[in-house]
């Protein structure tokens, strides 16, 4: 709603040369400012709840250290995994999210691997947003994505594989108890 009001104000500024929309703009600006304050309050409450739900290890901070895992995805991962006590490994979480591929064969006939239709819809819709961010900001995942697409793989299939990679990183960070380390940077540096 706030974005809609912001765009409406911008449009009214452009049309104000033709018609006097000053009063309408003032009302829209007041509504936008009120929504901005409400969003800040909600964000503070969410962060307070996450800190309360977060255990002594600081799982929330560990999760947001991973490129592609932002505050929203980290919060939902904490909720759905019940503080990472619900699943033993990343494969189980990938199955729950609906991104782990399963073989699809019968006898001698082998079809392409498929993901299960049973999945957590909220995480399945949130994680592709993290994938877009990860591909953009993480050189290792960007290279992986470009390589697989270059090999002829379908981009949606590759993005699904990147979701699995993100979930494996999530479990690695949680199990280690240390923030994510970008090893890719260390691999590319040459020793003189």
C-alpha atoms as a PDB file:
ATOM      1  CA  UNK A   1       0.000   0.000   0.000  1.00  0.00           C
ATOM      2  CA  UNK A   2       2.840   2.351   0.840  1.00  0.00           C
ATOM      3  CA  UNK A   3       4.480   1.703  -2.526  1.00  0.00           C
ATOM      4  CA  UNK A   4       1.172   2.357  -4.287  1.00  0.00           C
ATOM      5  CA  UNK A   5       0.788   5.648  -2.461  1.00  0.00           C
ATOM      6  CA  UNK A   6       4.381   6.606  -3.278  1.00  0.00           C
ATOM      7  CA  UNK A   7       3.807   5.898  -6.964  1.00  0.00           C
ATOM      8  CA  UNK A   8       0.499   7.779  -6.866  1.00  0.00           C
ATOM      9  CA  UNK A   9       2.195  10.816  -5.346  1.00  0.00           C
ATOM     10  CA  UNK A  10       4.844  10.744  -8.079  1.00  0.00           C
ATOM     11  CA  UNK A  11       2.137  10.504 -10.753  1.00  0.00           C
ATOM     12  CA  UNK A  12       0.192  13.374  -9.185  1.00  0.00           C
ATOM     13  CA  UNK A  13       3.313  15.539  -9.154  1.00  0.00           C
ATOM     14  CA  UNK A  14       3.658  14.988 -12.890  1.00  0.00           C
ATOM     15  CA  UNK A  15      -0.019  15.805 -13.533  1.00  0.00           C
ATOM     16  CA  UNK A  16      -0.025  18.779 -11.156  1.00  0.00           C
ATOM     17  CA  UNK A  17       1.126  20.912 -14.069  1.00  0.00           C
ATOM     18  CA  UNK A  18      -2.318  20.396 -15.650  1.00  0.00           C
ATOM     19  CA  UNK A  19      -4.567  20.270 -12.554  1.00  0.00           C
ATOM     20  CA  UNK A  20      -4.258  21.419  -8.940  1.00  0.00           C
ATOM     21  CA  UNK A  21      -3.753  18.213  -6.923  1.00  0.00           C
ATOM     22  CA  UNK A  22      -2.069  19.756  -3.873  1.00  0.00           C
ATOM     23  CA  UNK A  23      -4.740  18.718  -1.358  1.00  0.00           C
ATOM     24  CA  UNK A  24      -4.912  15.177  -2.731  1.00  0.00           C
ATOM     25  CA  UNK A  25      -1.130  14.902  -2.566  1.00  0.00           C
ATOM     26  CA  UNK A  26      -1.125  16.137   1.034  1.00  0.00           C
ATOM     27  CA  UNK A  27      -3.671  13.471   2.031  1.00  0.00           C
ATOM     28  CA  UNK A  28      -1.757  10.769   0.190  1.00  0.00           C
ATOM     29  CA  UNK A  29       1.508  11.910   1.804  1.00  0.00           C
ATOM     30  CA  UNK A  30      -0.090  11.779   5.284  1.00  0.00           C
ATOM     31  CA  UNK A  31      -1.381   8.239   4.619  1.00  0.00           C
ATOM     32  CA  UNK A  32       2.028   7.186   3.319  1.00  0.00           C
ATOM     33  CA  UNK A  33       3.800   8.590   6.377  1.00  0.00           C
ATOM     34  CA  UNK A  34       1.349   6.779   8.665  1.00  0.00           C
ATOM     35  CA  UNK A  35       1.946   3.487   6.834  1.00  0.00           C
ATOM     36  CA  UNK A  36       5.706   4.033   7.052  1.00  0.00           C
ATOM     37  CA  UNK A  37       5.479   4.402  10.835  1.00  0.00           C
ATOM     38  CA  UNK A  38       3.283   1.299  11.088  1.00  0.00           C
ATOM     39  CA  UNK A  39       5.773  -0.703   9.007  1.00  0.00           C
ATOM     40  CA  UNK A  40       8.624   0.390  11.261  1.00  0.00           C
ATOM     41  CA  UNK A  41       6.628  -0.705  14.312  1.00  0.00           C
ATOM     42  CA  UNK A  42       5.851  -4.091  12.744  1.00  0.00           C
ATOM     43  CA  UNK A  43       9.523  -4.568  11.788  1.00  0.00           C
ATOM     44  CA  UNK A  44      10.590  -3.841  15.369  1.00  0.00           C
ATOM     45  CA  UNK A  45       8.050  -6.341  16.734  1.00  0.00           C
ATOM     46  CA  UNK A  46       9.163  -9.006  14.260  1.00  0.00           C
ATOM     47  CA  UNK A  47      12.821  -8.501  15.205  1.00  0.00           C
ATOM     48  CA  UNK A  48      11.870  -8.682  18.892  1.00  0.00           C
ATOM     49  CA  UNK A  49      10.025 -11.960  18.318  1.00  0.00           C
ATOM     50  CA  UNK A  50      12.927 -13.362  16.307  1.00  0.00           C
ATOM     51  CA  UNK A  51      15.367 -12.477  19.069  1.00  0.00           C
ATOM     52  CA  UNK A  52      13.082 -14.130  21.616  1.00  0.00           C
ATOM     53  CA  UNK A  53      12.651 -17.222  19.426  1.00  0.00           C
ATOM     54  CA  UNK A  54      16.340 -17.266  18.583  1.00  0.00           C
ATOM     55  CA  UNK A  55      18.374 -19.533  20.819  1.00  0.00           C
ATOM     56  CA  UNK A  56      21.678 -18.794  22.513  1.00  0.00           C
ATOM     57  CA  UNK A  57      23.655 -19.761  19.397  1.00  0.00           C
ATOM     58  CA  UNK A  58      22.193 -16.802  17.476  1.00  0.00           C
ATOM     59  CA  UNK A  59      20.686 -18.748  14.604  1.00  0.00           C
ATOM     60  CA  UNK A  60      19.020 -15.701  13.059  1.00  0.00           C
ATOM     61  CA  UNK A  61      22.315 -13.847  12.727  1.00  0.00           C
ATOM     62  CA  UNK A  62      23.959 -16.983  11.329  1.00  0.00           C
ATOM     63  CA  UNK A  63      21.241 -17.348   8.703  1.00  0.00           C
ATOM     64  CA  UNK A  64      21.342 -13.774   7.471  1.00  0.00           C
ATOM     65  CA  UNK A  65      25.101 -14.076   6.974  1.00  0.00           C
ATOM     66  CA  UNK A  66      24.388 -16.334   3.966  1.00  0.00           C
ATOM     67  CA  UNK A  67      24.020 -14.494   0.637  1.00  0.00           C
ATOM     68  CA  UNK A  68      20.430 -14.957  -0.515  1.00  0.00           C
ATOM     69  CA  UNK A  69      18.978 -15.526   2.950  1.00  0.00           C
ATOM     70  CA  UNK A  70      17.440 -12.287   4.146  1.00  0.00           C
ATOM     71  CA  UNK A  71      15.469 -11.431   7.281  1.00  0.00           C
ATOM     72  CA  UNK A  72      12.134 -12.748   5.970  1.00  0.00           C
ATOM     73  CA  UNK A  73      13.471 -16.093   4.769  1.00  0.00           C
ATOM     74  CA  UNK A  74      15.573 -16.491   7.927  1.00  0.00           C
ATOM     75  CA  UNK A  75      12.546 -15.836  10.102  1.00  0.00           C
ATOM     76  CA  UNK A  76      10.382 -18.346   8.291  1.00  0.00           C
ATOM     77  CA  UNK A  77      13.162 -20.945   8.313  1.00  0.00           C
ATOM     78  CA  UNK A  78      13.426 -20.567  12.084  1.00  0.00           C
ATOM     79  CA  UNK A  79       9.669 -20.950  12.470  1.00  0.00           C
ATOM     80  CA  UNK A  80       9.189 -23.936  10.141  1.00  0.00           C
ATOM     81  CA  UNK A  81      12.248 -25.806  11.393  1.00  0.00           C
ATOM     82  CA  UNK A  82      11.349 -25.006  15.018  1.00  0.00           C
ATOM     83  CA  UNK A  83      14.826 -23.665  15.656  1.00  0.00           C
ATOM     84  CA  UNK A  84      16.390 -26.398  13.504  1.00  0.00           C
ATOM     85  CA  UNK A  85      15.133 -29.173  15.763  1.00  0.00           C
ATOM     86  CA  UNK A  86      12.507 -30.509  13.328  1.00  0.00           C
ATOM     87  CA  UNK A  87      14.877 -31.761  10.605  1.00  0.00           C
ATOM     88  CA  UNK A  88      18.101 -33.737  10.961  1.00  0.00           C
ATOM     89  CA  UNK A  89      19.733 -32.603   7.727  1.00  0.00           C
ATOM     90  CA  UNK A  90      19.420 -30.351   4.717  1.00  0.00           C
ATOM     91  CA  UNK A  91      17.985 -33.107   2.514  1.00  0.00           C
ATOM     92  CA  UNK A  92      14.986 -33.462   4.827  1.00  0.00           C
ATOM     93  CA  UNK A  93      14.428 -29.706   4.757  1.00  0.00           C
ATOM     94  CA  UNK A  94      14.793 -29.667   0.960  1.00  0.00           C
ATOM     95  CA  UNK A  95      12.125 -32.388   0.764  1.00  0.00           C
ATOM     96  CA  UNK A  96       9.864 -30.351   3.064  1.00  0.00           C
ATOM     97  CA  UNK A  97      10.372 -27.239   0.927  1.00  0.00           C
ATOM     98  CA  UNK A  98       9.769 -29.227  -2.264  1.00  0.00           C
ATOM     99  CA  UNK A  99      13.094 -28.649  -3.971  1.00  0.00           C
ATOM    100  CA  UNK A 100      14.782 -32.048  -3.544  1.00  0.00           C
ATOM    101  CA  UNK A 101      14.613 -34.080  -6.760  1.00  0.00           C
ATOM    102  CA  UNK A 102      13.486 -37.704  -6.656  1.00  0.00           C
ATOM    103  CA  UNK A 103      14.146 -40.353  -9.316  1.00  0.00           C
ATOM    104  CA  UNK A 104      11.203 -41.071 -11.578  1.00  0.00           C
ATOM    105  CA  UNK A 105      11.686 -44.505 -13.111  1.00  0.00           C
ATOM    106  CA  UNK A 106       9.939 -47.799 -13.578  1.00  0.00           C
ATOM    107  CA  UNK A 107      11.912 -50.835 -14.700  1.00  0.00           C
ATOM    108  CA  UNK A 108      14.043 -49.881 -17.677  1.00  0.00           C
ATOM    109  CA  UNK A 109      12.199 -46.621 -18.328  1.00  0.00           C
ATOM    110  CA  UNK A 110      13.915 -43.653 -16.681  1.00  0.00           C
ATOM    111  CA  UNK A 111      12.192 -40.285 -16.738  1.00  0.00           C
ATOM    112  CA  UNK A 112      13.711 -37.007 -15.546  1.00  0.00           C
ATOM    113  CA  UNK A 113      13.897 -36.546 -11.791  1.00  0.00           C
ATOM    114  CA  UNK A 114      10.929 -34.723 -10.285  1.00  0.00           C
ATOM    115  CA  UNK A 115      10.262 -32.763  -7.115  1.00  0.00           C
ATOM    116  CA  UNK A 116       7.418 -33.731  -4.841  1.00  0.00           C
ATOM    117  CA  UNK A 117       4.070 -31.959  -5.082  1.00  0.00           C
ATOM    118  CA  UNK A 118       3.842 -32.090  -1.279  1.00  0.00           C
ATOM    119  CA  UNK A 119       5.680 -29.055  -0.030  1.00  0.00           C
ATOM    120  CA  UNK A 120       5.639 -26.061   2.262  1.00  0.00           C
ATOM    121  CA  UNK A 121       4.125 -23.469  -0.039  1.00  0.00           C
ATOM    122  CA  UNK A 122       5.360 -20.421   1.896  1.00  0.00           C
ATOM    123  CA  UNK A 123       9.020 -21.481   1.844  1.00  0.00           C
ATOM    124  CA  UNK A 124       8.716 -22.715  -1.745  1.00  0.00           C
ATOM    125  CA  UNK A 125       7.579 -19.224  -2.789  1.00  0.00           C
ATOM    126  CA  UNK A 126      10.081 -17.318  -0.617  1.00  0.00           C
ATOM    127  CA  UNK A 127      13.256 -19.216  -1.475  1.00  0.00           C
ATOM    128  CA  UNK A 128      13.283 -18.345  -5.208  1.00  0.00           C
ATOM    129  CA  UNK A 129      13.539 -14.680  -4.155  1.00  0.00           C
ATOM    130  CA  UNK A 130      16.619 -15.639  -2.165  1.00  0.00           C
ATOM    131  CA  UNK A 131      17.943 -17.489  -5.194  1.00  0.00           C
ATOM    132  CA  UNK A 132      17.680 -14.359  -7.346  1.00  0.00           C
ATOM    133  CA  UNK A 133      19.609 -12.422  -4.717  1.00  0.00           C
ATOM    134  CA  UNK A 134      22.188 -15.180  -4.272  1.00  0.00           C
ATOM    135  CA  UNK A 135      22.795 -15.462  -8.017  1.00  0.00           C
ATOM    136  CA  UNK A 136      23.232 -11.719  -8.211  1.00  0.00           C
ATOM    137  CA  UNK A 137      25.564 -11.242  -5.221  1.00  0.00           C
ATOM    138  CA  UNK A 138      27.378 -14.573  -4.752  1.00  0.00           C
ATOM    139  CA  UNK A 139      29.970 -15.237  -7.487  1.00  0.00           C
ATOM    140  CA  UNK A 140      30.088 -18.975  -6.758  1.00  0.00           C
ATOM    141  CA  UNK A 141      26.334 -19.451  -7.232  1.00  0.00           C
ATOM    142  CA  UNK A 142      26.319 -17.084 -10.225  1.00  0.00           C
ATOM    143  CA  UNK A 143      29.033 -19.159 -11.922  1.00  0.00           C
ATOM    144  CA  UNK A 144      27.181 -22.384 -11.062  1.00  0.00           C
ATOM    145  CA  UNK A 145      23.917 -20.989 -12.454  1.00  0.00           C
ATOM    146  CA  UNK A 146      25.546 -19.730 -15.660  1.00  0.00           C
ATOM    147  CA  UNK A 147      27.474 -22.992 -16.145  1.00  0.00           C
ATOM    148  CA  UNK A 148      24.380 -25.191 -15.768  1.00  0.00           C
ATOM    149  CA  UNK A 149      22.277 -22.928 -18.012  1.00  0.00           C
ATOM    150  CA  UNK A 150      25.127 -23.018 -20.542  1.00  0.00           C
ATOM    151  CA  UNK A 151      24.982 -26.824 -20.468  1.00  0.00           C
ATOM    152  CA  UNK A 152      21.359 -26.635 -21.605  1.00  0.00           C
ATOM    153  CA  UNK A 153      19.609 -27.122 -18.271  1.00  0.00           C
ATOM    154  CA  UNK A 154      16.297 -25.313 -17.856  1.00  0.00           C
ATOM    155  CA  UNK A 155      16.717 -22.143 -15.737  1.00  0.00           C
ATOM    156  CA  UNK A 156      13.909 -23.185 -13.350  1.00  0.00           C
ATOM    157  CA  UNK A 157      15.615 -26.511 -12.763  1.00  0.00           C
ATOM    158  CA  UNK A 158      18.915 -24.760 -12.064  1.00  0.00           C
ATOM    159  CA  UNK A 159      17.224 -22.313  -9.675  1.00  0.00           C
ATOM    160  CA  UNK A 160      15.739 -25.292  -7.856  1.00  0.00           C
ATOM    161  CA  UNK A 161      19.253 -26.734  -7.515  1.00  0.00           C
ATOM    162  CA  UNK A 162      20.435 -23.380  -6.135  1.00  0.00           C
ATOM    163  CA  UNK A 163      17.624 -23.559  -3.550  1.00  0.00           C
ATOM    164  CA  UNK A 164      19.051 -26.923  -2.465  1.00  0.00           C
ATOM    165  CA  UNK A 165      22.546 -25.425  -2.286  1.00  0.00           C
ATOM    166  CA  UNK A 166      21.223 -22.583  -0.111  1.00  0.00           C
ATOM    167  CA  UNK A 167      19.536 -25.072   2.221  1.00  0.00           C
ATOM    168  CA  UNK A 168      22.766 -27.074   2.526  1.00  0.00           C
ATOM    169  CA  UNK A 169      24.569 -23.835   3.380  1.00  0.00           C
ATOM    170  CA  UNK A 170      21.888 -23.073   5.976  1.00  0.00           C
ATOM    171  CA  UNK A 171      22.444 -26.394   7.721  1.00  0.00           C
ATOM    172  CA  UNK A 172      26.221 -26.077   7.493  1.00  0.00           C
ATOM    173  CA  UNK A 173      26.153 -22.665   9.150  1.00  0.00           C
ATOM    174  CA  UNK A 174      23.737 -23.799  11.866  1.00  0.00           C
ATOM    175  CA  UNK A 175      25.674 -27.003  12.606  1.00  0.00           C
ATOM    176  CA  UNK A 176      29.019 -25.180  12.672  1.00  0.00           C
ATOM    177  CA  UNK A 177      27.670 -22.294  14.717  1.00  0.00           C
ATOM    178  CA  UNK A 178      29.747 -19.744  12.784  1.00  0.00           C
ATOM    179  CA  UNK A 179      28.705 -17.212  10.128  1.00  0.00           C
ATOM    180  CA  UNK A 180      28.970 -18.039   6.449  1.00  0.00           C
ATOM    181  CA  UNK A 181      32.463 -17.696   4.969  1.00  0.00           C
ATOM    182  CA  UNK A 182      32.861 -16.937   1.282  1.00  0.00           C
ATOM    183  CA  UNK A 183      35.370 -19.613   0.280  1.00  0.00           C
ATOM    184  CA  UNK A 184      35.027 -18.738  -3.390  1.00  0.00           C
ATOM    185  CA  UNK A 185      37.032 -15.552  -2.856  1.00  0.00           C
ATOM    186  CA  UNK A 186      39.856 -17.578  -1.340  1.00  0.00           C
ATOM    187  CA  UNK A 187      39.874 -20.049  -4.232  1.00  0.00           C
ATOM    188  CA  UNK A 188      40.283 -17.338  -6.854  1.00  0.00           C
ATOM    189  CA  UNK A 189      43.149 -15.512  -5.199  1.00  0.00           C
ATOM    190  CA  UNK A 190      46.538 -16.526  -6.538  1.00  0.00           C
ATOM    191  CA  UNK A 191      49.575 -16.873  -4.348  1.00  0.00           C
ATOM    192  CA  UNK A 192      52.418 -14.747  -5.662  1.00  0.00           C
END
